[in-house]
Amino acid sequence: MALDCPPGSAEPWLPLVEASGDRHRFDLAYPAGS
């Protein structure tokens, strides 16, 4: 999906962390969230 999304489209990656239920742990380990 990231290859198909136009520039400026919704970020297709961070929602996966939400879906895994680990957003708090991720934010502590990777503040940049790339």
All heavy atoms as atom14 arrays in JSON, in Angstrom:
{
  "sequence": "MALDCPPGSAEPWLPLVEASGDRHRFDLAYPAGS",
  "atom14_mask": [
    [1, 1, 1, 1, 1, 1, 1, 1, 0, 0, 0, 0, 0, 0],
    [1, 1, 1, 1, 1, 0, 0, 0, 0, 0, 0, 0, 0, 0],
    [1, 1, 1, 1, 1, 1, 1, 1, 0, 0, 0, 0, 0, 0],
    [1, 1, 1, 1, 1, 1, 1, 1, 0, 0, 0, 0, 0, 0],
    [1, 1, 1, 1, 1, 1, 0, 0, 0, 0, 0, 0, 0, 0],
    [1, 1, 1, 1, 1, 1, 1, 0, 0, 0, 0, 0, 0, 0],
    [1, 1, 1, 1, 1, 1, 1, 0, 0, 0, 0, 0, 0, 0],
    [1, 1, 1, 1, 0, 0, 0, 0, 0, 0, 0, 0, 0, 0],
    [1, 1, 1, 1, 1, 1, 0, 0, 0, 0, 0, 0, 0, 0],
    [1, 1, 1, 1, 1, 0, 0, 0, 0, 0, 0, 0, 0, 0],
    [1, 1, 1, 1, 1, 1, 1, 1, 1, 0, 0, 0, 0, 0],
    [1, 1, 1, 1, 1, 1, 1, 0, 0, 0, 0, 0, 0, 0],
    [1, 1, 1, 1, 1, 1, 1, 1, 1, 1, 1, 1, 1, 1],
    [1, 1, 1, 1, 1, 1, 1, 1, 0, 0, 0, 0, 0, 0],
    [1, 1, 1, 1, 1, 1, 1, 0, 0, 0, 0, 0, 0, 0],
    [1, 1, 1, 1, 1, 1, 1, 1, 0, 0, 0, 0, 0, 0],
    [1, 1, 1, 1, 1, 1, 1, 0, 0, 0, 0, 0, 0, 0],
    [1, 1, 1, 1, 1, 1, 1, 1, 1, 0, 0, 0, 0, 0],
    [1, 1, 1, 1, 1, 0, 0, 0, 0, 0, 0, 0, 0, 0],
    [1, 1, 1, 1, 1, 1, 0, 0, 0, 0, 0, 0, 0, 0],
    [1, 1, 1, 1, 0, 0, 0, 0, 0, 0, 0, 0, 0, 0],
    [1, 1, 1, 1, 1, 1, 1, 1, 0, 0, 0, 0, 0, 0],
    [1, 1, 1, 1, 1, 1, 1, 1, 1, 1, 1, 0, 0, 0],
    [1, 1, 1, 1, 1, 1, 1, 1, 1, 1, 0, 0, 0, 0],
    [1, 1, 1, 1, 1, 1, 1, 1, 1, 1, 1, 0, 0, 0],
    [1, 1, 1, 1, 1, 1, 1, 1, 1, 1, 1, 0, 0, 0],
    [1, 1, 1, 1, 1, 1, 1, 1, 0, 0, 0, 0, 0, 0],
    [1, 1, 1, 1, 1, 1, 1, 1, 0, 0, 0, 0, 0, 0],
    [1, 1, 1, 1, 1, 0, 0, 0, 0, 0, 0, 0, 0, 0],
    [1, 1, 1, 1, 1, 1, 1, 1, 1, 1, 1, 1, 0, 0],
    [1, 1, 1, 1, 1, 1, 1, 0, 0, 0, 0, 0, 0, 0],
    [1, 1, 1, 1, 1, 0, 0, 0, 0, 0, 0, 0, 0, 0],
    [1, 1, 1, 1, 0, 0, 0, 0, 0, 0, 0, 0, 0, 0],
    [1, 1, 1, 1, 1, 1, 0, 0, 0, 0, 0, 0, 0, 0]
  ],
  "atom14_positions": [
    [[0.83, -1.21, 0.0], [0.0, 0.0, 0.0], [0.86, 1.26, 0.0], [0.53, 2.26, -0.65], [-0.91, -0.01, 1.23], [-1.84, 1.19, 1.33], [-2.86, 1.13, 2.82], [-3.67, 2.73, 2.71], [0.0, 0.0, 0.0], [0.0, 0.0, 0.0], [0.0, 0.0, 0.0], [0.0, 0.0, 0.0], [0.0, 0.0, 0.0], [0.0, 0.0, 0.0]],
    [[1.99, 1.22, 0.69], [2.87, 2.39, 0.75], [3.39, 2.76, -0.63], [3.64, 3.94, -0.91], [4.04, 2.1, 1.7], [0.0, 0.0, 0.0], [0.0, 0.0, 0.0], [0.0, 0.0, 0.0], [0.0, 0.0, 0.0], [0.0, 0.0, 0.0], [0.0, 0.0, 0.0], [0.0, 0.0, 0.0], [0.0, 0.0, 0.0], [0.0, 0.0, 0.0]],
    [[3.55, 1.77, -1.5], [4.01, 2.04, -2.86], [2.94, 2.71, -3.7], [3.25, 3.46, -4.62], [4.46, 0.73, -3.54], [5.6, -0.03, -2.86], [5.85, -1.35, -3.59], [6.87, 0.82, -2.85], [0.0, 0.0, 0.0], [0.0, 0.0, 0.0], [0.0, 0.0, 0.0], [0.0, 0.0, 0.0], [0.0, 0.0, 0.0], [0.0, 0.0, 0.0]],
    [[1.68, 2.44, -3.39], [0.56, 2.96, -4.19], [0.03, 4.3, -3.71], [-0.62, 5.01, -4.46], [-0.59, 1.95, -4.21], [-0.2, 0.63, -4.88], [0.66, 0.67, -5.77], [-0.77, -0.41, -4.51], [0.0, 0.0, 0.0], [0.0, 0.0, 0.0], [0.0, 0.0, 0.0], [0.0, 0.0, 0.0], [0.0, 0.0, 0.0], [0.0, 0.0, 0.0]],
    [[0.27, 4.6, -2.43], [-0.32, 5.82, -1.86], [0.33, 7.05, -2.48], [1.56, 7.12, -2.61], [-0.12, 5.85, -0.34], [-1.2, 4.71, 0.54], [0.0, 0.0, 0.0], [0.0, 0.0, 0.0], [0.0, 0.0, 0.0], [0.0, 0.0, 0.0], [0.0, 0.0, 0.0], [0.0, 0.0, 0.0], [0.0, 0.0, 0.0], [0.0, 0.0, 0.0]],
    [[-0.46, 8.05, -2.82], [0.11, 9.3, -3.36], [0.82, 10.09, -2.27], [0.59, 9.87, -1.08], [-1.14, 10.04, -3.86], [-2.26, 9.51, -3.03], [-1.92, 8.07, -2.76], [0.0, 0.0, 0.0], [0.0, 0.0, 0.0], [0.0, 0.0, 0.0], [0.0, 0.0, 0.0], [0.0, 0.0, 0.0], [0.0, 0.0, 0.0], [0.0, 0.0, 0.0]],
    [[1.69, 11.03, -2.66], [2.38, 11.86, -1.65], [1.37, 12.59, -0.77], [0.36, 13.1, -1.25], [3.19, 12.84, -2.51], [3.38, 12.14, -3.81], [2.12, 11.32, -4.02], [0.0, 0.0, 0.0], [0.0, 0.0, 0.0], [0.0, 0.0, 0.0], [0.0, 0.0, 0.0], [0.0, 0.0, 0.0], [0.0, 0.0, 0.0], [0.0, 0.0, 0.0]],
    [[1.67, 12.6, 0.53], [0.8, 13.28, 1.47], [-0.38, 12.47, 1.94], [-1.22, 12.97, 2.68], [0.0, 0.0, 0.0], [0.0, 0.0, 0.0], [0.0, 0.0, 0.0], [0.0, 0.0, 0.0], [0.0, 0.0, 0.0], [0.0, 0.0, 0.0], [0.0, 0.0, 0.0], [0.0, 0.0, 0.0], [0.0, 0.0, 0.0], [0.0, 0.0, 0.0]],
    [[-0.46, 11.21, 1.52], [-1.58, 10.36, 1.93], [-1.4, 9.9, 3.37], [-0.35, 10.1, 3.99], [-1.71, 9.16, 1.01], [-0.56, 8.33, 1.14], [0.0, 0.0, 0.0], [0.0, 0.0, 0.0], [0.0, 0.0, 0.0], [0.0, 0.0, 0.0], [0.0, 0.0, 0.0], [0.0, 0.0, 0.0], [0.0, 0.0, 0.0], [0.0, 0.0, 0.0]],
    [[-2.42, 9.26, 3.9], [-2.37, 8.78, 5.29], [-1.23, 7.79, 5.46], [-0.97, 6.95, 4.62], [-3.7, 8.11, 5.66], [0.0, 0.0, 0.0], [0.0, 0.0, 0.0], [0.0, 0.0, 0.0], [0.0, 0.0, 0.0], [0.0, 0.0, 0.0], [0.0, 0.0, 0.0], [0.0, 0.0, 0.0], [0.0, 0.0, 0.0], [0.0, 0.0, 0.0]],
    [[-0.54, 7.91, 6.57], [0.58, 7.03, 6.87], [0.1, 5.58, 7.03], [-0.76, 5.31, 7.86], [1.24, 7.49, 8.18], [2.27, 6.54, 8.74], [3.42, 6.33, 7.79], [4.12, 7.3, 7.49], [3.59, 5.18, 7.35], [0.0, 0.0, 0.0], [0.0, 0.0, 0.0], [0.0, 0.0, 0.0], [0.0, 0.0, 0.0], [0.0, 0.0, 0.0]],
    [[0.62, 4.64, 6.22], [0.12, 3.26, 6.29], [0.82, 2.4, 7.31], [0.5, 1.22, 7.42], [0.39, 2.74, 4.87], [1.63, 3.46, 4.45], [1.56, 4.82, 5.09], [0.0, 0.0, 0.0], [0.0, 0.0, 0.0], [0.0, 0.0, 0.0], [0.0, 0.0, 0.0], [0.0, 0.0, 0.0], [0.0, 0.0, 0.0], [0.0, 0.0, 0.0]],
    [[1.78, 2.95, 8.08], [2.58, 2.1, 8.95], [2.18, 2.18, 10.42], [1.98, 1.17, 11.07], [4.07, 2.45, 8.8], [4.61, 2.14, 7.44], [4.9, 3.01, 6.43], [4.9, 0.83, 6.92], [5.34, 2.34, 5.33], [5.37, 1.0, 5.6], [4.81, -0.46, 7.45], [5.75, -0.06, 4.79], [5.19, -1.53, 6.65], [5.65, -1.32, 5.34]],
    [[2.08, 3.38, 10.97], [1.8, 3.51, 12.4], [0.52, 2.83, 12.85], [0.46, 2.29, 13.95], [1.78, 4.99, 12.8], [3.15, 5.66, 12.96], [2.98, 7.13, 13.27], [3.96, 4.98, 14.06], [0.0, 0.0, 0.0], [0.0, 0.0, 0.0], [0.0, 0.0, 0.0], [0.0, 0.0, 0.0], [0.0, 0.0, 0.0], [0.0, 0.0, 0.0]],
    [[-0.56, 2.82, 12.02], [-1.75, 2.09, 12.46], [-1.52, 0.62, 12.75], [-2.26, 0.02, 13.52], [-2.72, 2.28, 11.27], [-2.3, 3.56, 10.66], [-0.81, 3.6, 10.79], [0.0, 0.0, 0.0], [0.0, 0.0, 0.0], [0.0, 0.0, 0.0], [0.0, 0.0, 0.0], [0.0, 0.0, 0.0], [0.0, 0.0, 0.0], [0.0, 0.0, 0.0]],
    [[-0.47, 0.04, 12.16], [-0.18, -1.37, 12.45], [0.23, -1.55, 13.9], [-0.06, -2.58, 14.52], [0.94, -1.87, 11.53], [0.66, -1.81, 10.03], [1.79, -2.47, 9.26], [-0.66, -2.48, 9.69], [0.0, 0.0, 0.0], [0.0, 0.0, 0.0], [0.0, 0.0, 0.0], [0.0, 0.0, 0.0], [0.0, 0.0, 0.0], [0.0, 0.0, 0.0]],
    [[0.93, -0.57, 14.45], [1.31, -0.64, 15.86], [0.06, -0.55, 16.73], [-0.05, -1.24, 17.76], [2.31, 0.48, 16.21], [2.72, 0.4, 17.67], [3.54, 0.4, 15.31], [0.0, 0.0, 0.0], [0.0, 0.0, 0.0], [0.0, 0.0, 0.0], [0.0, 0.0, 0.0], [0.0, 0.0, 0.0], [0.0, 0.0, 0.0], [0.0, 0.0, 0.0]],
    [[-0.88, 0.3, 16.32], [-2.16, 0.36, 17.04], [-2.87, -0.99, 16.99], [-3.41, -1.46, 17.99], [-3.05, 1.44, 16.43], [-2.5, 2.85, 16.5], [-2.64, 3.48, 17.88], [-3.24, 2.84, 18.76], [-2.16, 4.62, 18.05], [0.0, 0.0, 0.0], [0.0, 0.0, 0.0], [0.0, 0.0, 0.0], [0.0, 0.0, 0.0], [0.0, 0.0, 0.0]],
    [[-2.86, -1.61, 15.82], [-3.56, -2.89, 15.67], [-2.92, -3.98, 16.52], [-3.59, -4.91, 16.94], [-3.58, -3.31, 14.2], [0.0, 0.0, 0.0], [0.0, 0.0, 0.0], [0.0, 0.0, 0.0], [0.0, 0.0, 0.0], [0.0, 0.0, 0.0], [0.0, 0.0, 0.0], [0.0, 0.0, 0.0], [0.0, 0.0, 0.0], [0.0, 0.0, 0.0]],
    [[-1.63, -3.88, 16.74], [-0.94, -4.89, 17.56], [-1.13, -4.64, 19.05], [-0.77, -5.49, 19.87], [0.55, -4.92, 17.22], [1.19, -3.74, 17.68], [0.0, 0.0, 0.0], [0.0, 0.0, 0.0], [0.0, 0.0, 0.0], [0.0, 0.0, 0.0], [0.0, 0.0, 0.0], [0.0, 0.0, 0.0], [0.0, 0.0, 0.0], [0.0, 0.0, 0.0]],
    [[-1.66, -3.46, 19.42], [-1.89, -3.14, 20.82], [-0.65, -2.73, 21.57], [-0.63, -2.76, 22.81], [0.0, 0.0, 0.0], [0.0, 0.0, 0.0], [0.0, 0.0, 0.0], [0.0, 0.0, 0.0], [0.0, 0.0, 0.0], [0.0, 0.0, 0.0], [0.0, 0.0, 0.0], [0.0, 0.0, 0.0], [0.0, 0.0, 0.0], [0.0, 0.0, 0.0]],
    [[0.41, -2.32, 20.85], [1.7, -2.02, 21.49], [2.15, -0.59, 21.25], [3.35, -0.31, 21.22], [2.77, -2.99, 20.96], [2.59, -4.41, 21.45], [2.29, -4.57, 22.64], [2.75, -5.34, 20.65], [0.0, 0.0, 0.0], [0.0, 0.0, 0.0], [0.0, 0.0, 0.0], [0.0, 0.0, 0.0], [0.0, 0.0, 0.0], [0.0, 0.0, 0.0]],
    [[1.23, 0.33, 21.07], [1.61, 1.71, 20.74], [2.47, 2.34, 21.84], [3.45, 3.04, 21.56], [0.37, 2.55, 20.47], [0.68, 3.98, 20.03], [1.48, 4.0, 18.73], [1.91, 5.33, 18.34], [1.24, 6.11, 17.51], [0.09, 5.69, 16.98], [1.7, 7.3, 17.18], [0.0, 0.0, 0.0], [0.0, 0.0, 0.0], [0.0, 0.0, 0.0]],
    [[2.12, 2.14, 23.1], [2.87, 2.76, 24.2], [4.31, 2.25, 24.21], [5.26, 3.05, 24.33], [2.19, 2.48, 25.53], [2.92, 3.07, 26.71], [3.01, 4.43, 26.91], [3.6, 2.48, 27.74], [3.71, 4.66, 28.01], [4.08, 3.5, 28.53], [0.0, 0.0, 0.0], [0.0, 0.0, 0.0], [0.0, 0.0, 0.0], [0.0, 0.0, 0.0]],
    [[4.48, 0.94, 24.08], [5.82, 0.36, 24.06], [6.63, 0.89, 22.87], [7.82, 1.19, 22.98], [5.75, -1.17, 24.03], [7.11, -1.85, 24.07], [6.99, -3.36, 23.94], [6.49, -3.97, 25.16], [5.35, -4.62, 25.26], [4.56, -4.73, 24.2], [4.96, -5.15, 26.39], [0.0, 0.0, 0.0], [0.0, 0.0, 0.0], [0.0, 0.0, 0.0]],
    [[5.98, 1.01, 21.72], [6.66, 1.49, 20.53], [7.09, 2.95, 20.7], [8.22, 3.32, 20.34], [5.73, 1.36, 19.32], [6.31, 1.94, 18.05], [7.25, 1.25, 17.32], [5.89, 3.2, 17.61], [7.78, 1.8, 16.15], [6.41, 3.73, 16.45], [7.36, 3.03, 15.73], [0.0, 0.0, 0.0], [0.0, 0.0, 0.0], [0.0, 0.0, 0.0]],
    [[6.21, 3.79, 21.22], [6.54, 5.21, 21.38], [7.72, 5.41, 22.32], [8.54, 6.32, 22.11], [5.32, 5.98, 21.9], [4.24, 6.14, 20.83], [4.56, 5.98, 19.64], [3.08, 6.4, 21.21], [0.0, 0.0, 0.0], [0.0, 0.0, 0.0], [0.0, 0.0, 0.0], [0.0, 0.0, 0.0], [0.0, 0.0, 0.0], [0.0, 0.0, 0.0]],
    [[7.82, 4.57, 23.34], [8.95, 4.68, 24.25], [10.26, 4.27, 23.57], [11.31, 4.88, 23.79], [8.72, 3.81, 25.49], [7.62, 4.27, 26.46], [7.45, 3.27, 27.58], [7.96, 5.65, 27.02], [0.0, 0.0, 0.0], [0.0, 0.0, 0.0], [0.0, 0.0, 0.0], [0.0, 0.0, 0.0], [0.0, 0.0, 0.0], [0.0, 0.0, 0.0]],
    [[10.2, 3.23, 22.75], [11.41, 2.7, 22.12], [11.8, 3.49, 20.87], [12.99, 3.63, 20.57], [11.22, 1.23, 21.77], [0.0, 0.0, 0.0], [0.0, 0.0, 0.0], [0.0, 0.0, 0.0], [0.0, 0.0, 0.0], [0.0, 0.0, 0.0], [0.0, 0.0, 0.0], [0.0, 0.0, 0.0], [0.0, 0.0, 0.0], [0.0, 0.0, 0.0]],
    [[10.81, 4.01, 20.13], [11.07, 4.68, 18.86], [10.27, 5.98, 18.78], [9.23, 6.04, 18.11], [10.7, 3.76, 17.69], [11.4, 2.43, 17.69], [10.76, 1.28, 18.14], [12.72, 2.31, 17.23], [11.4, 0.04, 18.15], [13.36, 1.09, 17.23], [12.7, -0.05, 17.69], [13.35, -1.25, 17.7], [0.0, 0.0, 0.0], [0.0, 0.0, 0.0]],
    [[10.73, 7.04, 19.43], [9.96, 8.29, 19.44], [9.72, 8.87, 18.05], [8.7, 9.52, 17.81], [10.84, 9.23, 20.28], [11.7, 8.32, 21.1], [11.94, 7.11, 20.25], [0.0, 0.0, 0.0], [0.0, 0.0, 0.0], [0.0, 0.0, 0.0], [0.0, 0.0, 0.0], [0.0, 0.0, 0.0], [0.0, 0.0, 0.0], [0.0, 0.0, 0.0]],
    [[10.64, 8.64, 17.11], [10.49, 9.2, 15.76], [9.34, 8.53, 15.0], [8.66, 9.17, 14.2], [11.79, 9.05, 14.97], [0.0, 0.0, 0.0], [0.0, 0.0, 0.0], [0.0, 0.0, 0.0], [0.0, 0.0, 0.0], [0.0, 0.0, 0.0], [0.0, 0.0, 0.0], [0.0, 0.0, 0.0], [0.0, 0.0, 0.0], [0.0, 0.0, 0.0]],
    [[9.13, 7.25, 15.23], [8.02, 6.54, 14.6], [8.1, 6.44, 13.1], [7.08, 6.52, 12.41], [0.0, 0.0, 0.0], [0.0, 0.0, 0.0], [0.0, 0.0, 0.0], [0.0, 0.0, 0.0], [0.0, 0.0, 0.0], [0.0, 0.0, 0.0], [0.0, 0.0, 0.0], [0.0, 0.0, 0.0], [0.0, 0.0, 0.0], [0.0, 0.0, 0.0]],
    [[9.29, 6.22, 12.58], [9.46, 6.13, 11.13], [9.0, 4.77, 10.62], [8.91, 3.81, 11.38], [10.94, 6.32, 10.77], [11.71, 5.23, 11.23], [0.0, 0.0, 0.0], [0.0, 0.0, 0.0], [0.0, 0.0, 0.0], [0.0, 0.0, 0.0], [0.0, 0.0, 0.0], [0.0, 0.0, 0.0], [0.0, 0.0, 0.0], [0.0, 0.0, 0.0]]
  ]
}
